Protein backbone atom coordinates (compact mmCIF):
# COMPACT_ATOMS: atom_id res chain seq x y z
CA UNK A 1 92.07 116.35 98.01
CA UNK A 2 90.67 113.93 95.24
CA UNK A 3 89.40 110.87 97.49
CA UNK A 4 89.63 106.89 96.25
CA UNK A 5 86.25 105.57 94.65
CA UNK A 6 86.64 102.24 96.86
CA UNK A 7 87.21 101.54 99.78
CA UNK A 8 88.25 98.38 101.80
CA UNK A 9 85.02 97.49 102.56
CA UNK A 10 84.12 97.27 98.80
CA UNK A 11 86.24 94.23 98.27
CA UNK A 12 85.74 90.57 100.20
CA UNK A 13 87.15 89.97 103.66
CA UNK A 14 90.33 88.18 102.69
CA UNK A 15 91.48 90.61 99.83
CA UNK A 16 94.72 92.08 100.56
CA UNK A 17 96.52 95.53 99.85
CA UNK A 18 100.16 95.81 99.05
CA UNK A 19 102.71 98.10 98.09
CA UNK A 20 106.05 96.84 96.16
CA UNK A 21 109.75 98.33 95.63
CA UNK A 22 112.91 96.59 94.42
CA UNK A 23 116.06 96.14 95.67
CA UNK A 24 118.63 97.81 93.13
CA UNK A 25 115.90 100.61 93.00
CA UNK A 26 115.80 102.06 96.55
CA UNK A 27 118.34 100.23 98.74
CA UNK A 28 121.72 102.00 97.85
CA UNK A 29 124.06 99.68 96.46
CA UNK A 30 127.36 101.20 97.25
CA UNK A 31 127.65 100.03 100.46
CA UNK A 32 126.70 97.22 103.01
CA UNK A 33 129.25 95.07 101.18
CA UNK A 34 127.19 94.32 98.11
CA UNK A 35 128.96 93.30 95.10
CA UNK A 36 129.22 94.76 91.61
CA UNK A 37 126.02 94.13 89.60
CA UNK A 38 125.33 94.33 85.78
CA UNK A 39 123.29 97.35 86.37
CA UNK A 40 126.60 99.31 87.76
CA UNK A 41 128.54 98.59 84.51
CA UNK A 42 125.31 99.04 82.23
CA UNK A 43 124.91 103.12 83.95
CA UNK A 44 129.13 103.52 83.60
CA UNK A 45 128.48 102.63 79.73
CA UNK A 46 127.52 106.64 78.19
CA UNK A 47 124.37 106.69 76.41
CA UNK A 48 122.62 103.91 78.67
CA UNK A 49 120.85 106.22 81.25
CA UNK A 50 119.77 109.78 81.56
CA UNK A 51 122.53 111.64 82.60
CA UNK A 52 124.70 108.32 83.31
CA UNK A 53 122.24 108.04 86.99
CA UNK A 54 123.08 105.26 88.62
CA UNK A 55 121.89 103.35 92.22
CA UNK A 56 124.64 103.30 94.44
CA UNK A 57 123.11 105.31 96.72
CA UNK A 58 119.00 105.42 95.34
CA UNK A 59 116.85 106.19 98.23
CA UNK A 60 118.99 104.42 100.69
CA UNK A 61 116.83 101.86 102.04
CA UNK A 62 119.59 100.58 103.12
CA UNK A 63 119.90 102.61 106.14
CA UNK A 64 116.44 104.17 106.24
CA UNK A 65 114.52 100.80 105.94
CA UNK A 66 112.80 101.40 109.43
CA UNK A 67 111.26 104.69 108.36
CA UNK A 68 110.21 103.25 105.53
CA UNK A 69 108.25 100.09 106.66
CA UNK A 70 106.26 103.01 109.09
CA UNK A 71 105.20 104.57 106.29
CA UNK A 72 104.13 101.03 104.41
CA UNK A 73 102.37 100.29 107.93
CA UNK A 74 100.95 104.06 108.62
CA UNK A 75 99.07 103.64 105.12
CA UNK A 76 97.50 100.47 106.21
CA UNK A 77 99.11 98.15 103.63
CA UNK A 78 98.35 94.32 104.65
CA UNK A 79 101.38 93.39 102.14
CA UNK A 80 105.30 94.75 101.52
CA UNK A 81 106.26 93.11 98.36
CA UNK A 82 110.63 93.58 98.31
CA UNK A 83 113.08 92.03 96.29
CA UNK A 84 116.64 90.89 97.71
CA UNK A 85 119.76 91.58 95.76
CA UNK A 86 121.64 88.35 94.67
CA UNK A 87 124.99 90.73 94.63
CA UNK A 88 124.12 92.02 97.95
CA UNK A 89 123.96 88.46 99.56
CA UNK A 90 126.59 87.01 97.32
CA UNK A 91 128.95 89.80 95.92
CA UNK A 92 130.36 87.17 92.99
CA UNK A 93 127.29 85.63 92.85
CA UNK A 94 128.46 82.28 94.22
CA UNK A 95 131.34 81.54 96.46
CA UNK A 96 131.69 83.88 99.49
CA UNK A 97 128.86 85.39 101.30
CA UNK A 98 128.26 88.84 102.29
CA UNK A 99 127.02 88.30 105.86
CA UNK A 100 126.18 91.91 106.39
CA UNK A 101 123.72 91.23 103.52
CA UNK A 102 122.00 88.34 104.95
CA UNK A 103 122.01 90.23 108.28
CA UNK A 104 120.42 92.72 106.67
CA UNK A 105 117.58 91.25 105.37
CA UNK A 106 117.24 89.18 108.75
CA UNK A 107 116.17 92.66 110.05
CA UNK A 108 113.92 93.69 107.21
CA UNK A 109 111.84 90.83 107.50
CA UNK A 110 111.62 90.86 111.03
CA UNK A 111 110.82 94.73 110.79
CA UNK A 112 108.38 93.88 108.98
CA UNK A 113 106.28 91.19 111.08
CA UNK A 114 106.88 93.79 113.74
CA UNK A 115 104.63 96.18 112.07
CA UNK A 116 102.07 93.45 110.98
CA UNK A 117 103.19 93.58 107.06
CA UNK A 118 103.34 89.83 105.44
CA UNK A 119 106.53 89.84 103.70
CA UNK A 120 106.35 89.22 99.86
CA UNK A 121 109.87 88.26 98.91
CA UNK A 122 111.13 88.43 95.09
CA UNK A 123 114.75 86.66 94.93
CA UNK A 124 115.45 88.68 91.85
CA UNK A 125 114.67 91.99 90.79
CA UNK A 126 117.11 92.33 87.23
CA UNK A 127 120.73 93.35 89.49
CA UNK A 128 122.50 90.04 88.07
CA UNK A 129 126.34 89.98 89.78
CA UNK A 130 128.76 91.45 87.11
CA UNK A 131 130.96 88.83 87.97
CA UNK A 132 128.14 86.16 86.52
CA UNK A 133 127.55 88.52 83.60
CA UNK A 134 131.25 87.99 82.71
CA UNK A 135 130.54 83.97 82.39
CA UNK A 136 127.48 84.78 80.21
CA UNK A 137 124.85 85.53 82.84
CA UNK A 138 121.48 84.69 81.40
CA UNK A 139 122.73 83.00 78.53
CA UNK A 140 124.50 80.65 80.10
CA UNK A 141 122.90 77.45 81.72
CA UNK A 142 124.26 77.27 84.74
CA UNK A 143 122.71 80.37 85.71
CA UNK A 144 119.96 78.37 86.86
CA UNK A 145 122.18 76.59 89.05
CA UNK A 146 123.54 79.52 90.65
CA UNK A 147 120.65 80.88 90.93
CA UNK A 148 119.17 78.12 93.01
CA UNK A 149 122.47 78.04 95.12
CA UNK A 150 121.66 81.80 96.28
CA UNK A 151 117.82 80.88 96.54
CA UNK A 152 119.12 78.41 99.09
CA UNK A 153 121.36 80.55 100.87
CA UNK A 154 119.07 83.79 101.46
CA UNK A 155 115.79 81.09 102.10
CA UNK A 156 117.83 79.28 104.90
CA UNK A 157 117.97 82.50 106.64
CA UNK A 158 114.72 84.05 105.95
CA UNK A 159 112.40 81.70 104.61
CA UNK A 160 110.65 80.50 107.64
CA UNK A 161 109.00 84.11 107.69
CA UNK A 162 108.01 84.65 104.39
CA UNK A 163 104.59 85.06 103.93
CA UNK A 164 105.35 84.55 99.80
CA UNK A 165 107.77 84.36 97.95
CA UNK A 166 108.23 84.44 93.89
CA UNK A 167 111.89 83.56 92.38
CA UNK A 168 111.77 86.14 89.04
CA UNK A 169 110.40 89.49 88.62
CA UNK A 170 108.89 90.54 85.04
CA UNK A 171 110.64 87.83 83.15
CA UNK A 172 110.02 88.85 80.07
CA UNK A 173 112.12 92.19 81.22
CA UNK A 174 115.05 90.02 81.71
CA UNK A 175 114.90 88.08 78.50
CA UNK A 176 113.83 90.10 75.65
CA UNK A 177 114.04 93.60 76.72
CA UNK A 178 117.51 93.35 78.21
CA UNK A 179 118.72 90.73 75.30
CA UNK A 180 116.90 91.27 72.19
CA UNK A 181 115.85 95.39 72.78
CA UNK A 182 119.02 96.11 74.61
CA UNK A 183 117.21 98.65 76.62
CA UNK A 184 118.21 97.36 79.92
CA UNK A 185 121.49 95.66 81.44
CA UNK A 186 123.13 93.82 80.15
CA UNK A 187 121.83 95.80 76.86
CA UNK A 188 122.34 93.10 73.97
CA UNK A 189 120.50 93.39 70.95
CA UNK A 190 121.06 89.22 69.80
CA UNK A 191 118.20 86.49 68.89
CA UNK A 192 120.63 84.00 70.05
CA UNK A 193 121.50 85.57 73.54
CA UNK A 194 117.79 85.94 73.88
CA UNK A 195 116.45 82.61 73.14
CA UNK A 196 118.68 81.09 75.34
CA UNK A 197 117.85 83.69 78.31
CA UNK A 198 114.30 83.37 77.87
CA UNK A 199 114.48 79.57 78.10
CA UNK A 200 116.70 79.75 81.20
CA UNK A 201 115.00 82.39 83.08
CA UNK A 202 112.37 79.34 83.24
CA UNK A 203 114.68 76.94 84.20
CA UNK A 204 116.12 79.06 87.07
CA UNK A 205 112.67 79.47 88.28
CA UNK A 206 112.17 76.11 88.40
CA UNK A 207 114.74 75.23 89.85
CA UNK A 208 114.50 78.49 92.67
CA UNK A 209 110.99 76.98 93.06
CA UNK A 210 112.08 73.30 93.86
CA UNK A 211 114.89 74.46 96.54
CA UNK A 212 112.57 76.57 98.37
CA UNK A 213 109.84 73.66 98.18
CA UNK A 214 112.43 71.91 99.94
CA UNK A 215 113.44 74.44 102.73
CA UNK A 216 109.52 73.81 103.58
CA UNK A 217 108.56 77.19 102.19
CA UNK A 218 105.05 77.30 101.12
CA UNK A 219 102.78 79.90 98.96
CA UNK A 220 104.91 80.01 96.19
CA UNK A 221 104.19 81.59 92.90
CA UNK A 222 105.29 83.58 89.66
CA UNK A 223 105.45 87.67 88.72
CA UNK A 224 104.99 88.07 84.91
CA UNK A 225 104.42 91.38 83.35
CA UNK A 226 101.94 91.71 80.79
CA UNK A 227 101.19 94.42 78.17
CA UNK A 228 97.61 94.56 76.16
CA UNK A 229 98.69 93.78 72.45
CA UNK A 230 96.38 95.65 70.62
CA UNK A 231 96.27 95.76 66.51
CA UNK A 232 97.37 99.28 65.05
CA UNK A 233 94.56 98.49 62.38
CA UNK A 234 91.98 95.91 61.51
CA UNK A 235 94.06 94.36 58.86
CA UNK A 236 94.85 90.50 58.67
CA UNK A 237 98.76 91.35 58.77
CA UNK A 238 98.57 93.41 62.17
CA UNK A 239 96.09 91.30 63.96
CA UNK A 240 98.93 88.15 63.25
CA UNK A 241 101.50 90.59 64.55
CA UNK A 242 99.82 91.32 67.62
CA UNK A 243 99.45 87.98 68.22
CA UNK A 244 102.56 87.45 67.68
CA UNK A 245 103.61 90.26 70.03
CA UNK A 246 101.29 88.79 72.44
CA UNK A 247 102.91 85.28 72.31
CA UNK A 248 106.36 86.85 73.29
CA UNK A 249 105.44 89.03 75.91
CA UNK A 250 102.46 87.36 77.71
CA UNK A 251 102.11 83.67 76.57
CA UNK A 252 105.72 82.28 76.19
CA UNK A 253 106.64 82.19 80.08
CA UNK A 254 102.83 81.30 80.87
CA UNK A 255 103.21 78.51 78.41
CA UNK A 256 106.71 77.17 80.09
CA UNK A 257 105.10 77.77 83.61
CA UNK A 258 101.99 76.28 83.75
CA UNK A 259 102.12 73.98 80.61
CA UNK A 260 105.39 72.85 80.15
CA UNK A 261 105.53 74.00 75.99
CA UNK A 262 106.01 77.38 74.63
CA UNK A 263 103.70 78.96 71.98
CA UNK A 264 104.47 77.65 68.45
CA UNK A 265 104.03 81.13 67.07
CA UNK A 266 107.13 82.01 68.95
CA UNK A 267 109.21 79.15 68.60
CA UNK A 268 108.84 79.40 64.95
CA UNK A 269 111.44 82.47 65.56
CA UNK A 270 113.28 81.55 68.32
CA UNK A 271 113.62 77.60 67.86
CA UNK A 272 116.55 77.79 65.66
CA UNK A 273 118.34 79.94 68.60
CA UNK A 274 117.49 77.87 71.42
CA UNK A 275 120.02 75.71 73.45
CA UNK A 276 120.65 72.28 72.32
CA UNK A 277 118.20 69.99 74.56
CA UNK A 278 116.05 72.37 75.64
CA UNK A 279 112.81 70.29 75.55
CA UNK A 280 114.44 68.25 78.37
CA UNK A 281 114.40 71.43 80.93
CA UNK A 282 110.55 71.57 80.42
CA UNK A 283 109.58 69.64 83.46
CA UNK A 284 111.72 71.27 85.58
CA UNK A 285 110.37 74.69 84.66
CA UNK A 286 106.54 73.66 85.23
CA UNK A 287 106.49 73.58 89.00
CA UNK A 288 103.72 73.59 90.66
CA UNK A 289 102.65 76.97 91.66
CA UNK A 290 100.09 78.58 94.65
CA UNK A 291 99.58 81.97 92.87
CA UNK A 292 100.25 84.03 90.03
CA UNK A 293 101.32 87.45 90.08
CA UNK A 294 100.38 90.24 87.52
CA UNK A 295 102.11 93.16 86.66
CA UNK A 296 100.07 95.55 84.68
CA UNK A 297 101.03 98.86 83.13
CA UNK A 298 99.55 99.72 79.96
CA UNK A 299 98.71 98.54 76.36
CA UNK A 300 100.73 98.72 73.27
CA UNK A 301 99.24 98.79 69.34
CA UNK A 302 101.01 96.57 67.08
CA UNK A 303 101.63 96.60 63.21
CA UNK A 304 103.04 94.36 60.73
CA UNK A 305 106.57 95.24 59.14
CA UNK A 306 107.77 93.21 56.74
CA UNK A 307 110.71 95.16 55.89
CA UNK A 308 112.01 93.86 59.37
CA UNK A 309 113.49 90.80 60.36
CA UNK A 310 111.56 88.52 62.68
CA UNK A 311 109.17 88.91 64.67
CA UNK A 312 108.13 91.43 61.25
CA UNK A 313 106.73 94.13 63.88
CA UNK A 314 106.28 97.56 64.88
CA UNK A 315 105.04 99.20 68.45
CA UNK A 316 102.84 102.04 68.34
CA UNK A 317 101.30 104.51 71.02
CA UNK A 318 97.74 105.45 70.66
CA UNK A 319 95.64 107.76 71.40
CA UNK A 320 94.88 107.51 74.94
CA UNK A 321 95.75 109.49 78.06
CA UNK A 322 99.46 108.91 78.76
CA UNK A 323 101.89 108.66 81.77
CA UNK A 324 104.75 110.15 82.27
CA UNK A 325 106.25 107.26 81.08
CA UNK A 326 104.06 107.94 77.74
CA UNK A 327 102.14 104.67 78.48
CA UNK A 328 98.47 104.86 77.60
CA UNK A 329 96.46 104.16 80.35
CA UNK A 330 94.14 101.17 79.38
CA UNK A 331 92.69 99.58 82.30
CA UNK A 332 90.48 97.00 80.00
CA UNK A 333 94.11 94.83 79.60
CA UNK A 334 94.49 94.50 83.22
CA UNK A 335 90.26 93.12 83.53
CA UNK A 336 91.14 91.13 80.01
CA UNK A 337 94.66 89.31 81.57
CA UNK A 338 92.53 88.59 84.97
CA UNK A 339 90.61 86.24 82.84
CA UNK A 340 93.00 85.56 80.37
CA UNK A 341 95.59 84.16 82.50
CA UNK A 342 93.07 81.39 83.71
CA UNK A 343 93.94 79.17 80.19
CA UNK A 344 96.71 78.84 82.18
CA UNK A 345 96.48 78.95 85.81
CA UNK A 346 93.24 77.52 86.27
CA UNK A 347 91.56 78.79 89.48
CA UNK A 348 94.94 79.61 90.78
CA UNK A 349 94.80 82.99 93.48
CA UNK A 350 96.04 85.73 91.07
CA UNK A 351 97.67 89.47 92.65
CA UNK A 352 98.24 92.26 90.87
CA UNK A 353 102.07 92.46 92.00
CA UNK A 354 102.48 95.84 90.24
CA UNK A 355 100.16 98.12 89.16
CA UNK A 356 100.89 102.19 89.25
CA UNK A 357 101.58 105.15 87.10
CA UNK A 358 104.52 108.02 86.70
CA UNK A 359 103.88 111.39 87.09
CA UNK A 360 105.68 114.72 87.25
CA UNK A 361 104.38 115.17 90.84
CA UNK A 362 105.31 116.34 93.99
CA UNK A 363 103.78 116.68 97.81
CA UNK A 364 102.65 119.97 97.00
CA UNK A 365 100.40 118.69 94.26
CA UNK A 366 96.78 117.45 94.33
CA UNK A 367 98.61 114.17 92.76
CA UNK A 368 94.71 113.46 90.99
CA UNK A 369 96.31 111.53 87.86
CA UNK A 370 97.64 109.11 90.27
CA UNK A 371 94.72 108.89 92.09
CA UNK A 372 92.54 108.16 89.21
CA UNK A 373 94.88 105.78 87.51
CA UNK A 374 94.48 103.82 90.34
CA UNK A 375 91.13 103.83 90.79
CA UNK A 376 90.37 102.99 87.35
CA UNK A 377 92.50 99.61 87.53
CA UNK A 378 90.44 98.95 90.91
CA UNK A 379 87.53 99.27 89.20
CA UNK A 380 88.99 97.01 86.46
CA UNK A 381 89.75 94.60 88.76
CA UNK A 382 86.69 94.66 90.75
CA UNK A 383 84.58 94.04 87.61
CA UNK A 384 86.87 91.04 86.50
CA UNK A 385 86.11 89.62 90.08
CA UNK A 386 82.22 90.08 89.77
CA UNK A 387 82.82 88.28 86.55
CA UNK A 388 84.80 85.13 88.38
CA UNK A 389 88.23 86.19 88.45
CA UNK A 390 90.18 84.93 91.58
CA UNK A 391 92.14 88.10 92.59
CA UNK A 392 92.85 87.84 95.92
CA UNK A 393 94.91 90.95 96.20
CA UNK A 394 96.13 94.33 94.72
CA UNK A 395 99.65 95.85 95.21
CA UNK A 396 100.64 99.48 94.09
CA UNK A 397 103.97 100.61 92.60
CA UNK A 398 105.42 101.89 94.16
CA UNK A 399 105.98 103.26 97.72
CA UNK A 400 108.80 105.35 97.33
CA UNK A 401 109.74 107.40 94.15
CA UNK A 402 113.34 105.59 92.74
CA UNK A 403 115.93 104.69 90.37
CA UNK A 404 113.84 104.11 87.50
CA UNK A 405 116.48 102.08 85.47
CA UNK A 406 117.63 103.42 82.16
CA UNK A 407 115.72 106.42 82.74
CA UNK A 408 117.42 108.06 85.79
CA UNK A 409 115.55 109.43 88.86
CA UNK A 410 113.24 111.76 86.78
CA UNK A 411 110.05 109.09 86.25
CA UNK A 412 108.34 109.00 89.51
CA UNK A 413 106.24 106.16 90.44
CA UNK A 414 106.14 106.73 94.31
CA UNK A 415 103.38 107.31 96.63
CA UNK A 416 106.00 109.14 98.58
CA UNK A 417 107.84 111.72 97.26
CA UNK A 418 111.51 111.35 97.98
CA UNK A 419 113.81 114.42 97.54
CA UNK A 420 116.97 112.79 95.67
CA UNK A 421 119.44 115.18 97.02
CA UNK A 422 118.09 115.26 101.02
CA UNK A 423 116.24 111.60 100.86
CA UNK A 424 113.26 113.20 103.01
CA UNK A 425 110.14 111.53 101.96
CA UNK A 426 107.41 113.08 102.22
CA UNK A 427 103.80 111.16 101.92
CA UNK A 428 101.77 112.31 98.44
CA UNK A 429 98.09 113.00 98.33
CA UNK A 430 97.68 109.81 96.78
CA UNK A 431 99.37 108.26 99.46
CA UNK A 432 96.78 109.75 102.16
CA UNK A 433 93.68 108.81 99.77
CA UNK A 434 95.01 105.41 100.15
CA UNK A 435 95.21 105.88 103.70
CA UNK A 436 92.07 106.92 104.10
CA UNK A 437 90.59 103.73 101.72
CA UNK A 438 92.19 100.80 103.36
CA UNK A 439 91.24 102.11 106.74
CA UNK A 440 89.59 99.15 108.87
CA UNK A 441 86.27 100.56 110.51
């Protein structure tokens, strides 16, 4: 078995390691009183998801959570970054509360604490209740108030035991990937819908943060995803397009959350489609935060495409080694962002809240590729820390092989192999190597 180059002792004493999952990808949404989500609708539409696979059973974490928490504890992780399902708490997104859902999250948080695991809550990881999608979902400004109400209901029950909390996982995916590119639910390709969603996501983030502060919760942050935008060629046009891609992907939400303003280059394309009076919401979006989380996986080569509509660019894949997702392995991008975000967040504590790779592996294989990927990114993290980045923790995606959204169950990100027929969990070599690396001596 390949070992990890890095050990817990190589990092500062207060540095923390964790593992992440999300509700819809592992819980099983077909039981426990959960309501229908727009992911159920998206998966039921032909052509959207590989083999029309869905999250009705997933990894059945809803019933097997104790076994899964035992795996987290046994590996030596400090943090479990998990998400709650809006539709499990409020089946219609508002109105009647599903007590069974609240009870489940109550047990789950208590189970973490009993095992010495810090609960890191994400309030939303993409499973919008269908009843709210019917009302326009993220296009409707009221979504911020609906989300605030959900936050209040959930956090009144479990907020007193939460170590950290963030409102929305990967806002770019919720806004751009899902409303402009159509790759995720609700599967739209509509610039007007995109502009509204990109703004209302920030507003919902701000409103939820206000609610949690009002409940006395602390250690509140944001989790944004980042992609390293590189020009396909050295031409001025490609460089300008890479900068615009960086604005859409990396600077839009940082600008709103930390500066109360959106990047001018992106507004040039989106402002004509923004909701009336959007400027008045910026103070609510810009809430004080205690930390910033970075989800990072890959880079992207960007070229100018004058024949296309705004943003006049095309995406390309370079020559670096690839993961099972076809994503280039580019640790330099992580080091870049650990410094870059300081332009917005100052010296705020940073956490790598997702980093990992999909690999077509099994427990009987060495899993060397995943170990090498994690080693390389931990090396980049240590290098960034040596140069002043205020990085306080590193969280791996993911604990389990799971439902990978529109790609179904074939892309395996887990440290633990899941047989999706029997649901048997079997730790991979990467899990075992991490267990040795994280051991406290």
